[in-house]
């Protein structure tokens, strides 16, 4: 059974930073792409960032490009989201997700269908 567990959420002031972590289990982590999505109250789930299985290609949503960075550390089956220059609009539940297709050489946003439970990020003024 594949499981993803997010951590690192919390309350941060506008302009601050947070790093989210996602630990994967029951998954061929080293061979699959990973992503972060988020969902704010009253809004649909939004793509945030993704990284291919080999870390070669990264993709970011327009609202976070230049501020967020996705990385992975395969020896720990972990993916991270470094969030800088946070704004009020970044407040959301952040979800870690996996693309179950091994060795996909590109990012297919719709393919990320294995989800964690989410971690709350609240940005306050």
PDB file of N, CA and C in Angstrom:
ATOM      1  N   UNK A   1       0.839  -1.178   0.000  1.00  0.00           N
ATOM      2  CA  UNK A   1       0.000   0.000   0.000  1.00  0.00           C
ATOM      3  C   UNK A   1       0.883   1.241   0.000  1.00  0.00           C
ATOM      4  N   UNK A   2       0.710   2.073  -1.001  1.00  0.00           N
ATOM      5  CA  UNK A   2       1.468   3.304  -1.083  1.00  0.00           C
ATOM      6  C   UNK A   2       0.904   4.339  -0.115  1.00  0.00           C
ATOM      7  N   UNK A   3       1.797   4.969   0.625  1.00  0.00           N
ATOM      8  CA  UNK A   3       1.392   6.006   1.558  1.00  0.00           C
ATOM      9  C   UNK A   3       2.346   7.186   1.461  1.00  0.00           C
ATOM     10  N   UNK A   4       1.777   8.373   1.484  1.00  0.00           N
ATOM     11  CA  UNK A   4       2.540   9.608   1.483  1.00  0.00           C
ATOM     12  C   UNK A   4       2.160  10.400   2.723  1.00  0.00           C
ATOM     13  N   UNK A   5       3.151  10.920   3.414  1.00  0.00           N
ATOM     14  CA  UNK A   5       2.914  11.636   4.657  1.00  0.00           C
ATOM     15  C   UNK A   5       3.606  12.992   4.613  1.00  0.00           C
ATOM     16  N   UNK A   6       2.808  14.047   4.620  1.00  0.00           N
ATOM     17  CA  UNK A   6       3.340  15.401   4.606  1.00  0.00           C
ATOM     18  C   UNK A   6       3.618  15.893   6.022  1.00  0.00           C
ATOM     19  N   UNK A   7       4.568  16.797   6.122  1.00  0.00           N
ATOM     20  CA  UNK A   7       4.855  17.451   7.384  1.00  0.00           C
ATOM     21  C   UNK A   7       5.479  18.811   7.091  1.00  0.00           C
ATOM     22  N   UNK A   8       5.557  19.638   8.111  1.00  0.00           N
ATOM     23  CA  UNK A   8       6.211  20.925   7.981  1.00  0.00           C
ATOM     24  C   UNK A   8       5.291  22.115   7.875  1.00  0.00           C
ATOM     25  N   UNK A   9       3.997  21.883   7.803  1.00  0.00           N
ATOM     26  CA  UNK A   9       3.067  22.991   7.740  1.00  0.00           C
ATOM     27  C   UNK A   9       3.003  23.744   9.054  1.00  0.00           C
ATOM     28  N   UNK A  10       2.409  24.917   8.998  1.00  0.00           N
ATOM     29  CA  UNK A  10       2.287  25.737  10.184  1.00  0.00           C
ATOM     30  C   UNK A  10       1.834  27.130   9.828  1.00  0.00           C
ATOM     31  N   UNK A  11       2.023  28.032  10.764  1.00  0.00           N
ATOM     32  CA  UNK A  11       1.644  29.430  10.591  1.00  0.00           C
ATOM     33  C   UNK A  11       2.893  30.260  10.373  1.00  0.00           C
ATOM     34  N   UNK A  12       2.868  31.090   9.354  1.00  0.00           N
ATOM     35  CA  UNK A  12       4.013  31.927   9.030  1.00  0.00           C
ATOM     36  C   UNK A  12       3.505  33.292   8.576  1.00  0.00           C
ATOM     37  N   UNK A  13       4.283  34.319   8.824  1.00  0.00           N
ATOM     38  CA  UNK A  13       3.897  35.660   8.410  1.00  0.00           C
ATOM     39  C   UNK A  13       4.179  35.893   6.932  1.00  0.00           C
ATOM     40  N   UNK A  14       3.461  36.847   6.377  1.00  0.00           N
ATOM     41  CA  UNK A  14       3.705  37.256   4.997  1.00  0.00           C
ATOM     42  C   UNK A  14       5.188  37.572   4.814  1.00  0.00           C
ATOM     43  N   UNK A  15       5.749  37.052   3.731  1.00  0.00           N
ATOM     44  CA  UNK A  15       7.159  37.254   3.451  1.00  0.00           C
ATOM     45  C   UNK A  15       8.074  36.199   4.033  1.00  0.00           C
ATOM     46  N   UNK A  16       7.542  35.339   4.868  1.00  0.00           N
ATOM     47  CA  UNK A  16       8.334  34.308   5.493  1.00  0.00           C
ATOM     48  C   UNK A  16       8.497  33.083   4.621  1.00  0.00           C
ATOM     49  N   UNK A  17       9.110  32.054   5.199  1.00  0.00           N
ATOM     50  CA  UNK A  17       9.415  30.828   4.476  1.00  0.00           C
ATOM     51  C   UNK A  17       9.026  29.607   5.287  1.00  0.00           C
ATOM     52  N   UNK A  18       8.736  28.539   4.583  1.00  0.00           N
ATOM     53  CA  UNK A  18       8.498  27.230   5.172  1.00  0.00           C
ATOM     54  C   UNK A  18       9.054  26.183   4.230  1.00  0.00           C
ATOM     55  N   UNK A  19       9.446  25.044   4.788  1.00  0.00           N
ATOM     56  CA  UNK A  19       9.810  23.904   3.978  1.00  0.00           C
ATOM     57  C   UNK A  19       8.919  22.738   4.347  1.00  0.00           C
ATOM     58  N   UNK A  20       8.175  22.250   3.386  1.00  0.00           N
ATOM     59  CA  UNK A  20       7.336  21.085   3.570  1.00  0.00           C
ATOM     60  C   UNK A  20       8.104  19.834   3.177  1.00  0.00           C
ATOM     61  N   UNK A  21       7.812  18.746   3.867  1.00  0.00           N
ATOM     62  CA  UNK A  21       8.424  17.465   3.573  1.00  0.00           C
ATOM     63  C   UNK A  21       7.346  16.435   3.294  1.00  0.00           C
ATOM     64  N   UNK A  22       7.678  15.467   2.474  1.00  0.00           N
ATOM     65  CA  UNK A  22       6.795  14.354   2.181  1.00  0.00           C
ATOM     66  C   UNK A  22       7.617  13.085   2.200  1.00  0.00           C
ATOM     67  N   UNK A  23       7.219  12.146   3.027  1.00  0.00           N
ATOM     68  CA  UNK A  23       7.875  10.846   3.107  1.00  0.00           C
ATOM     69  C   UNK A  23       6.986   9.800   2.463  1.00  0.00           C
ATOM     70  N   UNK A  24       7.566   9.001   1.585  1.00  0.00           N
ATOM     71  CA  UNK A  24       6.817   7.996   0.843  1.00  0.00           C
ATOM     72  C   UNK A  24       7.164   6.602   1.332  1.00  0.00           C
ATOM     73  N   UNK A  25       6.163   5.736   1.335  1.00  0.00           N
ATOM     74  CA  UNK A  25       6.343   4.333   1.683  1.00  0.00           C
ATOM     75  C   UNK A  25       5.475   3.478   0.777  1.00  0.00           C
ATOM     76  N   UNK A  26       5.895   2.229   0.561  1.00  0.00           N
ATOM     77  CA  UNK A  26       5.128   1.328  -0.278  1.00  0.00           C
ATOM     78  C   UNK A  26       5.057   1.772  -1.726  1.00  0.00           C
ATOM     79  N   UNK A  27       6.110   2.431  -2.186  1.00  0.00           N
ATOM     80  CA  UNK A  27       6.143   3.018  -3.514  1.00  0.00           C
ATOM     81  C   UNK A  27       7.551   2.887  -4.073  1.00  0.00           C
ATOM     82  N   UNK A  28       7.650   2.675  -5.378  1.00  0.00           N
ATOM     83  CA  UNK A  28       8.959   2.677  -6.031  1.00  0.00           C
ATOM     84  C   UNK A  28       9.400   4.125  -6.210  1.00  0.00           C
ATOM     85  N   UNK A  29       9.736   4.731  -5.095  1.00  0.00           N
ATOM     86  CA  UNK A  29       9.952   6.169  -5.061  1.00  0.00           C
ATOM     87  C   UNK A  29      11.002   6.630  -6.063  1.00  0.00           C
ATOM     88  N   UNK A  30      12.082   5.874  -6.179  1.00  0.00           N
ATOM     89  CA  UNK A  30      13.192   6.298  -7.025  1.00  0.00           C
ATOM     90  C   UNK A  30      12.855   6.337  -8.501  1.00  0.00           C
ATOM     91  N   UNK A  31      11.724   5.763  -8.891  1.00  0.00           N
ATOM     92  CA  UNK A  31      11.386   5.666 -10.303  1.00  0.00           C
ATOM     93  C   UNK A  31      10.126   6.431 -10.695  1.00  0.00           C
ATOM     94  N   UNK A  32       9.569   7.224  -9.796  1.00  0.00           N
ATOM     95  CA  UNK A  32       8.321   7.918 -10.105  1.00  0.00           C
ATOM     96  C   UNK A  32       8.448   9.406  -9.852  1.00  0.00           C
ATOM     97  N   UNK A  33       7.644  10.151 -10.606  1.00  0.00           N
ATOM     98  CA  UNK A  33       7.577  11.576 -10.406  1.00  0.00           C
ATOM     99  C   UNK A  33       6.778  11.936  -9.161  1.00  0.00           C
ATOM    100  N   UNK A  34       7.099  13.077  -8.588  1.00  0.00           N
ATOM    101  CA  UNK A  34       6.434  13.549  -7.386  1.00  0.00           C
ATOM    102  C   UNK A  34       5.967  14.977  -7.600  1.00  0.00           C
ATOM    103  N   UNK A  35       4.949  15.365  -6.848  1.00  0.00           N
ATOM    104  CA  UNK A  35       4.363  16.682  -7.027  1.00  0.00           C
ATOM    105  C   UNK A  35       3.772  17.201  -5.729  1.00  0.00           C
ATOM    106  N   UNK A  36       3.500  18.489  -5.731  1.00  0.00           N
ATOM    107  CA  UNK A  36       2.747  19.150  -4.676  1.00  0.00           C
ATOM    108  C   UNK A  36       1.555  19.859  -5.283  1.00  0.00           C
ATOM    109  N   UNK A  37       0.416  19.708  -4.651  1.00  0.00           N
ATOM    110  CA  UNK A  37      -0.796  20.440  -4.968  1.00  0.00           C
ATOM    111  C   UNK A  37      -1.266  21.144  -3.704  1.00  0.00           C
ATOM    112  N   UNK A  38      -2.181  22.070  -3.862  1.00  0.00           N
ATOM    113  CA  UNK A  38      -2.753  22.731  -2.694  1.00  0.00           C
ATOM    114  C   UNK A  38      -4.213  23.049  -2.941  1.00  0.00           C
ATOM    115  N   UNK A  39      -4.946  23.211  -1.860  1.00  0.00           N
ATOM    116  CA  UNK A  39      -6.349  23.563  -1.949  1.00  0.00           C
ATOM    117  C   UNK A  39      -6.690  24.543  -0.840  1.00  0.00           C
ATOM    118  N   UNK A  40      -7.141  25.706  -1.239  1.00  0.00           N
ATOM    119  CA  UNK A  40      -7.574  26.727  -0.306  1.00  0.00           C
ATOM    120  C   UNK A  40      -9.078  26.629  -0.109  1.00  0.00           C
ATOM    121  N   UNK A  41      -9.594  27.134   1.008  1.00  0.00           N
ATOM    122  CA  UNK A  41     -11.043  27.081   1.244  1.00  0.00           C
ATOM    123  C   UNK A  41     -11.826  27.722   0.110  1.00  0.00           C
ATOM    124  N   UNK A  42     -12.826  27.007  -0.384  1.00  0.00           N
ATOM    125  CA  UNK A  42     -13.673  27.522  -1.438  1.00  0.00           C
ATOM    126  C   UNK A  42     -13.075  27.478  -2.828  1.00  0.00           C
ATOM    127  N   UNK A  43     -11.891  26.905  -2.977  1.00  0.00           N
ATOM    128  CA  UNK A  43     -11.235  26.845  -4.266  1.00  0.00           C
ATOM    129  C   UNK A  43     -10.948  25.403  -4.657  1.00  0.00           C
ATOM    130  N   UNK A  44     -10.740  25.194  -5.945  1.00  0.00           N
ATOM    131  CA  UNK A  44     -10.376  23.877  -6.440  1.00  0.00           C
ATOM    132  C   UNK A  44      -8.911  23.590  -6.148  1.00  0.00           C
ATOM    133  N   UNK A  45      -8.585  22.311  -6.165  1.00  0.00           N
ATOM    134  CA  UNK A  45      -7.204  21.924  -5.969  1.00  0.00           C
ATOM    135  C   UNK A  45      -6.336  22.500  -7.082  1.00  0.00           C
ATOM    136  N   UNK A  46      -5.181  23.031  -6.706  1.00  0.00           N
ATOM    137  CA  UNK A  46      -4.307  23.749  -7.613  1.00  0.00           C
ATOM    138  C   UNK A  46      -2.942  23.076  -7.694  1.00  0.00           C
ATOM    139  N   UNK A  47      -2.432  22.957  -8.904  1.00  0.00           N
ATOM    140  CA  UNK A  47      -1.089  22.434  -9.099  1.00  0.00           C
ATOM    141  C   UNK A  47      -0.060  23.429  -8.602  1.00  0.00           C
ATOM    142  N   UNK A  48       0.915  22.941  -7.853  1.00  0.00           N
ATOM    143  CA  UNK A  48       1.956  23.794  -7.294  1.00  0.00           C
ATOM    144  C   UNK A  48       3.303  23.528  -7.944  1.00  0.00           C
ATOM    145  N   UNK A  49       3.745  22.278  -7.914  1.00  0.00           N
ATOM    146  CA  UNK A  49       5.072  21.948  -8.421  1.00  0.00           C
ATOM    147  C   UNK A  49       5.173  20.457  -8.654  1.00  0.00           C
ATOM    148  N   UNK A  50       6.057  20.057  -9.555  1.00  0.00           N
ATOM    149  CA  UNK A  50       6.299  18.642  -9.809  1.00  0.00           C
ATOM    150  C   UNK A  50       7.733  18.449 -10.252  1.00  0.00           C
ATOM    151  N   UNK A  51       8.216  17.229 -10.067  1.00  0.00           N
ATOM    152  CA  UNK A  51       9.577  16.866 -10.407  1.00  0.00           C
ATOM    153  C   UNK A  51       9.572  15.458 -10.959  1.00  0.00           C
ATOM    154  N   UNK A  52      10.259  15.247 -12.079  1.00  0.00           N
ATOM    155  CA  UNK A  52      10.319  13.924 -12.678  1.00  0.00           C
ATOM    156  C   UNK A  52      11.122  12.967 -11.811  1.00  0.00           C
ATOM    157  N   UNK A  53      11.048  11.691 -12.142  1.00  0.00           N
ATOM    158  CA  UNK A  53      11.652  10.637 -11.338  1.00  0.00           C
ATOM    159  C   UNK A  53      13.151  10.836 -11.140  1.00  0.00           C
ATOM    160  N   UNK A  54      13.809  11.402 -12.147  1.00  0.00           N
ATOM    161  CA  UNK A  54      15.255  11.583 -12.079  1.00  0.00           C
ATOM    162  C   UNK A  54      15.665  12.996 -11.676  1.00  0.00           C
ATOM    163  N   UNK A  55      14.696  13.830 -11.363  1.00  0.00           N
ATOM    164  CA  UNK A  55      14.994  15.183 -10.941  1.00  0.00           C
ATOM    165  C   UNK A  55      15.448  16.110 -12.039  1.00  0.00           C
ATOM    166  N   UNK A  56      15.334  15.677 -13.295  1.00  0.00           N
ATOM    167  CA  UNK A  56      15.828  16.478 -14.404  1.00  0.00           C
ATOM    168  C   UNK A  56      14.886  17.614 -14.760  1.00  0.00           C
ATOM    169  N   UNK A  57      13.588  17.353 -14.699  1.00  0.00           N
ATOM    170  CA  UNK A  57      12.605  18.330 -15.129  1.00  0.00           C
ATOM    171  C   UNK A  57      11.708  18.725 -13.972  1.00  0.00           C
ATOM    172  N   UNK A  58      11.613  20.009 -13.735  1.00  0.00           N
ATOM    173  CA  UNK A  58      10.708  20.552 -12.729  1.00  0.00           C
ATOM    174  C   UNK A  58       9.704  21.467 -13.401  1.00  0.00           C
ATOM    175  N   UNK A  59       8.524  21.541 -12.837  1.00  0.00           N
ATOM    176  CA  UNK A  59       7.470  22.374 -13.375  1.00  0.00           C
ATOM    177  C   UNK A  59       6.733  23.028 -12.216  1.00  0.00           C
ATOM    178  N   UNK A  60       6.361  24.291 -12.392  1.00  0.00           N
ATOM    179  CA  UNK A  60       5.721  25.049 -11.330  1.00  0.00           C
ATOM    180  C   UNK A  60       4.467  25.741 -11.828  1.00  0.00           C
ATOM    181  N   UNK A  61       3.506  25.864 -10.933  1.00  0.00           N
ATOM    182  CA  UNK A  61       2.349  26.668 -11.243  1.00  0.00           C
ATOM    183  C   UNK A  61       2.722  28.139 -11.341  1.00  0.00           C
ATOM    184  N   UNK A  62       1.961  28.864 -12.141  1.00  0.00           N
ATOM    185  CA  UNK A  62       2.286  30.270 -12.380  1.00  0.00           C
ATOM    186  C   UNK A  62       2.322  31.091 -11.094  1.00  0.00           C
ATOM    187  N   UNK A  63       1.466  30.771 -10.155  1.00  0.00           N
ATOM    188  CA  UNK A  63       1.359  31.571  -8.950  1.00  0.00           C
ATOM    189  C   UNK A  63       2.527  31.389  -7.990  1.00  0.00           C
ATOM    190  N   UNK A  64       3.330  30.344  -8.177  1.00  0.00           N
ATOM    191  CA  UNK A  64       4.424  30.077  -7.245  1.00  0.00           C
ATOM    192  C   UNK A  64       5.787  30.085  -7.909  1.00  0.00           C
ATOM    193  N   UNK A  65       5.833  30.127  -9.231  1.00  0.00           N
ATOM    194  CA  UNK A  65       7.110  30.107  -9.940  1.00  0.00           C
ATOM    195  C   UNK A  65       8.001  31.254  -9.474  1.00  0.00           C
ATOM    196  N   UNK A  66       9.248  30.926  -9.205  1.00  0.00           N
ATOM    197  CA  UNK A  66      10.186  31.915  -8.711  1.00  0.00           C
ATOM    198  C   UNK A  66      10.227  32.039  -7.210  1.00  0.00           C
ATOM    199  N   UNK A  67       9.235  31.491  -6.521  1.00  0.00           N
ATOM    200  CA  UNK A  67       9.186  31.553  -5.058  1.00  0.00           C
ATOM    201  C   UNK A  67       9.326  30.181  -4.403  1.00  0.00           C
ATOM    202  N   UNK A  68       8.831  29.147  -5.059  1.00  0.00           N
ATOM    203  CA  UNK A  68       8.854  27.798  -4.509  1.00  0.00           C
ATOM    204  C   UNK A  68       9.846  26.940  -5.281  1.00  0.00           C
ATOM    205  N   UNK A  69      10.434  25.974  -4.599  1.00  0.00           N
ATOM    206  CA  UNK A  69      11.356  25.039  -5.221  1.00  0.00           C
ATOM    207  C   UNK A  69      11.046  23.629  -4.742  1.00  0.00           C
ATOM    208  N   UNK A  70      10.875  22.712  -5.684  1.00  0.00           N
ATOM    209  CA  UNK A  70      10.661  21.314  -5.346  1.00  0.00           C
ATOM    210  C   UNK A  70      11.973  20.555  -5.528  1.00  0.00           C
ATOM    211  N   UNK A  71      12.295  19.717  -4.567  1.00  0.00           N
ATOM    212  CA  UNK A  71      13.485  18.876  -4.634  1.00  0.00           C
ATOM    213  C   UNK A  71      13.143  17.488  -4.115  1.00  0.00           C
ATOM    214  N   UNK A  72      14.018  16.542  -4.365  1.00  0.00           N
ATOM    215  CA  UNK A  72      13.830  15.204  -3.826  1.00  0.00           C
ATOM    216  C   UNK A  72      15.155  14.655  -3.342  1.00  0.00           C
ATOM    217  N   UNK A  73      15.081  13.778  -2.352  1.00  0.00           N
ATOM    218  CA  UNK A  73      16.243  13.104  -1.820  1.00  0.00           C
ATOM    219  C   UNK A  73      15.896  11.633  -1.737  1.00  0.00           C
ATOM    220  N   UNK A  74      16.266  10.907  -2.767  1.00  0.00           N
ATOM    221  CA  UNK A  74      15.824   9.526  -2.904  1.00  0.00           C
ATOM    222  C   UNK A  74      16.267   8.592  -1.776  1.00  0.00           C
ATOM    223  N   UNK A  75      17.466   8.750  -1.199  1.00  0.00           N
ATOM    224  CA  UNK A  75      17.846   7.845  -0.108  1.00  0.00           C
ATOM    225  C   UNK A  75      16.895   7.863   1.077  1.00  0.00           C
ATOM    226  N   UNK A  76      16.125   8.918   1.230  1.00  0.00           N
ATOM    227  CA  UNK A  76      15.147   9.003   2.310  1.00  0.00           C
ATOM    228  C   UNK A  76      13.714   8.921   1.806  1.00  0.00           C
ATOM    229  N   UNK A  77      13.540   8.594   0.535  1.00  0.00           N
ATOM    230  CA  UNK A  77      12.200   8.548  -0.069  1.00  0.00           C
ATOM    231  C   UNK A  77      11.425   9.817   0.251  1.00  0.00           C
ATOM    232  N   UNK A  78      12.072  10.937   0.049  1.00  0.00           N
ATOM    233  CA  UNK A  78      11.498  12.208   0.472  1.00  0.00           C
ATOM    234  C   UNK A  78      11.474  13.214  -0.665  1.00  0.00           C
ATOM    235  N   UNK A  79      10.434  14.016  -0.655  1.00  0.00           N
ATOM    236  CA  UNK A  79      10.323  15.154  -1.552  1.00  0.00           C
ATOM    237  C   UNK A  79      10.021  16.378  -0.699  1.00  0.00           C
ATOM    238  N   UNK A  80      10.547  17.521  -1.106  1.00  0.00           N
ATOM    239  CA  UNK A  80      10.434  18.733  -0.320  1.00  0.00           C
ATOM    240  C   UNK A  80       9.864  19.862  -1.164  1.00  0.00           C
ATOM    241  N   UNK A  81       9.256  20.801  -0.491  1.00  0.00           N
ATOM    242  CA  UNK A  81       8.806  22.025  -1.129  1.00  0.00           C
ATOM    243  C   UNK A  81       9.285  23.198  -0.290  1.00  0.00           C
ATOM    244  N   UNK A  82      10.274  23.908  -0.804  1.00  0.00           N
ATOM    245  CA  UNK A  82      10.760  25.109  -0.150  1.00  0.00           C
ATOM    246  C   UNK A  82       9.911  26.278  -0.618  1.00  0.00           C
ATOM    247  N   UNK A  83       9.271  26.951   0.309  1.00  0.00           N
ATOM    248  CA  UNK A  83       8.367  28.042   0.004  1.00  0.00           C
ATOM    249  C   UNK A  83       8.945  29.329   0.584  1.00  0.00           C
ATOM    250  N   UNK A  84       9.214  30.285  -0.279  1.00  0.00           N
ATOM    251  CA  UNK A  84       9.772  31.565   0.127  1.00  0.00           C
ATOM    252  C   UNK A  84       8.835  32.697  -0.266  1.00  0.00           C
ATOM    253  N   UNK A  85       9.021  33.832   0.375  1.00  0.00           N
ATOM    254  CA  UNK A  85       8.232  35.031   0.073  1.00  0.00           C
ATOM    255  C   UNK A  85       6.742  34.732   0.077  1.00  0.00           C
ATOM    256  N   UNK A  86       6.292  34.106   1.127  1.00  0.00           N
ATOM    257  CA  UNK A  86       4.907  33.667   1.203  1.00  0.00           C
ATOM    258  C   UNK A  86       3.941  34.843   1.256  1.00  0.00           C
ATOM    259  N   UNK A  87       2.806  34.652   0.617  1.00  0.00           N
ATOM    260  CA  UNK A  87       1.742  35.646   0.598  1.00  0.00           C
ATOM    261  C   UNK A  87       0.485  35.058   1.211  1.00  0.00           C
ATOM    262  N   UNK A  88      -0.492  35.915   1.475  1.00  0.00           N
ATOM    263  CA  UNK A  88      -1.752  35.449   2.034  1.00  0.00           C
ATOM    264  C   UNK A  88      -2.423  34.423   1.131  1.00  0.00           C
ATOM    265  N   UNK A  89      -2.229  34.552  -0.165  1.00  0.00           N
ATOM    266  CA  UNK A  89      -2.857  33.648  -1.125  1.00  0.00           C
ATOM    267  C   UNK A  89      -2.243  32.256  -1.116  1.00  0.00           C
ATOM    268  N   UNK A  90      -1.133  32.083  -0.412  1.00  0.00           N
ATOM    269  CA  UNK A  90      -0.527  30.763  -0.289  1.00  0.00           C
ATOM    270  C   UNK A  90      -1.173  29.926   0.801  1.00  0.00           C
ATOM    271  N   UNK A  91      -2.060  30.502   1.584  1.00  0.00           N
ATOM    272  CA  UNK A  91      -2.750  29.749   2.623  1.00  0.00           C
ATOM    273  C   UNK A  91      -3.583  28.639   1.993  1.00  0.00           C
ATOM    274  N   UNK A  92      -3.332  27.414   2.397  1.00  0.00           N
ATOM    275  CA  UNK A  92      -4.014  26.261   1.820  1.00  0.00           C
ATOM    276  C   UNK A  92      -3.563  25.001   2.542  1.00  0.00           C
ATOM    277  N   UNK A  93      -4.270  23.916   2.267  1.00  0.00           N
ATOM    278  CA  UNK A  93      -3.772  22.600   2.627  1.00  0.00           C
ATOM    279  C   UNK A  93      -2.908  22.115   1.479  1.00  0.00           C
ATOM    280  N   UNK A  94      -1.697  21.728   1.786  1.00  0.00           N
ATOM    281  CA  UNK A  94      -0.747  21.292   0.776  1.00  0.00           C
ATOM    282  C   UNK A  94      -0.658  19.772   0.776  1.00  0.00           C
ATOM    283  N   UNK A  95      -0.783  19.193  -0.402  1.00  0.00           N
ATOM    284  CA  UNK A  95      -0.798  17.754  -0.571  1.00  0.00           C
ATOM    285  C   UNK A  95       0.403  17.289  -1.383  1.00  0.00           C
ATOM    286  N   UNK A  96       1.025  16.242  -0.933  1.00  0.00           N
ATOM    287  CA  UNK A  96       2.041  15.540  -1.685  1.00  0.00           C
ATOM    288  C   UNK A  96       1.356  14.516  -2.586  1.00  0.00           C
ATOM    289  N   UNK A  97       1.878  14.321  -3.787  1.00  0.00           N
ATOM    290  CA  UNK A  97       1.273  13.389  -4.723  1.00  0.00           C
ATOM    291  C   UNK A  97       2.340  12.671  -5.530  1.00  0.00           C
ATOM    292  N   UNK A  98       2.003  11.475  -5.995  1.00  0.00           N
ATOM    293  CA  UNK A  98       2.913  10.664  -6.789  1.00  0.00           C
ATOM    294  C   UNK A  98       2.255  10.226  -8.086  1.00  0.00           C
ATOM    295  N   UNK A  99       3.041  10.160  -9.127  1.00  0.00           N
ATOM    296  CA  UNK A  99       2.654   9.588 -10.412  1.00  0.00           C
ATOM    297  C   UNK A  99       3.082   8.131 -10.394  1.00  0.00           C
ATOM    298  N   UNK A 100       2.152   7.179 -10.426  1.00  0.00           N
ATOM    299  CA  UNK A 100       2.525   5.774 -10.271  1.00  0.00           C
ATOM    300  C   UNK A 100       3.219   5.152 -11.472  1.00  0.00           C
ATOM    301  N   UNK A 101       3.302   5.843 -12.594  1.00  0.00           N
ATOM    302  CA  UNK A 101       3.962   5.306 -13.777  1.00  0.00           C
ATOM    303  C   UNK A 101       5.464   5.517 -13.676  1.00  0.00           C
ATOM    304  N   UNK A 102       6.211   4.423 -13.688  1.00  0.00           N
ATOM    305  CA  UNK A 102       7.658   4.502 -13.517  1.00  0.00           C
ATOM    306  C   UNK A 102       8.331   5.144 -14.718  1.00  0.00           C
ATOM    307  N   UNK A 103       9.340   5.928 -14.436  1.00  0.00           N
ATOM    308  CA  UNK A 103      10.270   6.485 -15.424  1.00  0.00           C
ATOM    309  C   UNK A 103       9.616   7.394 -16.455  1.00  0.00           C
ATOM    310  N   UNK A 104       8.503   7.986 -16.120  1.00  0.00           N
ATOM    311  CA  UNK A 104       7.910   8.935 -17.048  1.00  0.00           C
ATOM    312  C   UNK A 104       8.878  10.103 -17.218  1.00  0.00           C
ATOM    313  N   UNK A 105       9.281  10.400 -18.461  1.00  0.00           N
ATOM    314  CA  UNK A 105      10.328  11.409 -18.661  1.00  0.00           C
ATOM    315  C   UNK A 105       9.826  12.841 -18.704  1.00  0.00           C
ATOM    316  N   UNK A 106       8.549  13.036 -18.504  1.00  0.00           N
ATOM    317  CA  UNK A 106       7.967  14.358 -18.519  1.00  0.00           C
ATOM    318  C   UNK A 106       6.918  14.444 -17.420  1.00  0.00           C
ATOM    319  N   UNK A 107       6.431  15.634 -17.171  1.00  0.00           N
ATOM    320  CA  UNK A 107       5.420  15.841 -16.139  1.00  0.00           C
ATOM    321  C   UNK A 107       4.041  15.851 -16.771  1.00  0.00           C
ATOM    322  N   UNK A 108       3.211  14.932 -16.329  1.00  0.00           N
ATOM    323  CA  UNK A 108       1.815  14.878 -16.736  1.00  0.00           C
ATOM    324  C   UNK A 108       0.996  15.157 -15.482  1.00  0.00           C
ATOM    325  N   UNK A 109       0.474  16.357 -15.362  1.00  0.00           N
ATOM    326  CA  UNK A 109      -0.172  16.797 -14.135  1.00  0.00           C
ATOM    327  C   UNK A 109      -1.334  15.917 -13.719  1.00  0.00           C
ATOM    328  N   UNK A 110      -2.076  15.425 -14.695  1.00  0.00           N
ATOM    329  CA  UNK A 110      -3.237  14.603 -14.390  1.00  0.00           C
ATOM    330  C   UNK A 110      -2.869  13.209 -13.895  1.00  0.00           C
ATOM    331  N   UNK A 111      -1.603  12.819 -14.011  1.00  0.00           N
ATOM    332  CA  UNK A 111      -1.185  11.481 -13.625  1.00  0.00           C
ATOM    333  C   UNK A 111      -0.884  11.346 -12.135  1.00  0.00           C
ATOM    334  N   UNK A 112      -0.809  12.437 -11.427  1.00  0.00           N
ATOM    335  CA  UNK A 112      -0.507  12.387  -9.996  1.00  0.00           C
ATOM    336  C   UNK A 112      -1.783  12.057  -9.235  1.00  0.00           C
ATOM    337  N   UNK A 113      -1.968  10.781  -8.958  1.00  0.00           N
ATOM    338  CA  UNK A 113      -3.217  10.335  -8.358  1.00  0.00           C
ATOM    339  C   UNK A 113      -3.046   9.573  -7.049  1.00  0.00           C
ATOM    340  N   UNK A 114      -1.852   9.527  -6.512  1.00  0.00           N
ATOM    341  CA  UNK A 114      -1.604   8.967  -5.189  1.00  0.00           C
ATOM    342  C   UNK A 114      -1.328  10.132  -4.255  1.00  0.00           C
ATOM    343  N   UNK A 115      -2.141  10.230  -3.202  1.00  0.00           N
ATOM    344  CA  UNK A 115      -2.148  11.449  -2.395  1.00  0.00           C
ATOM    345  C   UNK A 115      -1.854  11.200  -0.929  1.00  0.00           C
ATOM    346  N   UNK A 116      -1.207  12.182  -0.320  1.00  0.00           N
ATOM    347  CA  UNK A 116      -1.099  12.206   1.120  1.00  0.00           C
ATOM    348  C   UNK A 116      -2.317  12.859   1.746  1.00  0.00           C
ATOM    349  N   UNK A 117      -2.296  12.993   3.065  1.00  0.00           N
ATOM    350  CA  UNK A 117      -3.425  13.564   3.790  1.00  0.00           C
ATOM    351  C   UNK A 117      -3.404  15.082   3.841  1.00  0.00           C
ATOM    352  N   UNK A 118      -2.270  15.678   3.548  1.00  0.00           N
ATOM    353  CA  UNK A 118      -2.169  17.119   3.506  1.00  0.00           C
ATOM    354  C   UNK A 118      -1.627  17.715   4.790  1.00  0.00           C
ATOM    355  N   UNK A 119      -1.046  18.886   4.659  1.00  0.00           N
ATOM    356  CA  UNK A 119      -0.566  19.649   5.800  1.00  0.00           C
ATOM    357  C   UNK A 119      -0.979  21.105   5.619  1.00  0.00           C
ATOM    358  N   UNK A 120      -1.471  21.714   6.679  1.00  0.00           N
ATOM    359  CA  UNK A 120      -2.012  23.065   6.608  1.00  0.00           C
ATOM    360  C   UNK A 120      -0.900  24.096   6.655  1.00  0.00           C
ATOM    361  N   UNK A 121      -0.946  25.028   5.717  1.00  0.00           N
ATOM    362  CA  UNK A 121      -0.069  26.189   5.717  1.00  0.00           C
ATOM    363  C   UNK A 121      -0.946  27.426   5.830  1.00  0.00           C
ATOM    364  N   UNK A 122      -0.708  28.217   6.846  1.00  0.00           N
ATOM    365  CA  UNK A 122      -1.470  29.437   7.055  1.00  0.00           C
ATOM    366  C   UNK A 122      -0.516  30.616   7.062  1.00  0.00           C
ATOM    367  N   UNK A 123      -0.742  31.552   6.160  1.00  0.00           N
ATOM    368  CA  UNK A 123       0.073  32.749   6.060  1.00  0.00           C
ATOM    369  C   UNK A 123      -0.731  33.905   6.635  1.00  0.00           C
ATOM    370  N   UNK A 124      -0.173  34.578   7.603  1.00  0.00           N
ATOM    371  CA  UNK A 124      -0.873  35.644   8.297  1.00  0.00           C
ATOM    372  C   UNK A 124      -0.139  36.966   8.135  1.00  0.00           C
ATOM    373  N   UNK A 125      -0.892  38.047   8.236  1.00  0.00           N
ATOM    374  CA  UNK A 125      -0.318  39.378   8.140  1.00  0.00           C
ATOM    375  C   UNK A 125       0.077  39.894   9.509  1.00  0.00           C
TER     376      UNK A 125
END
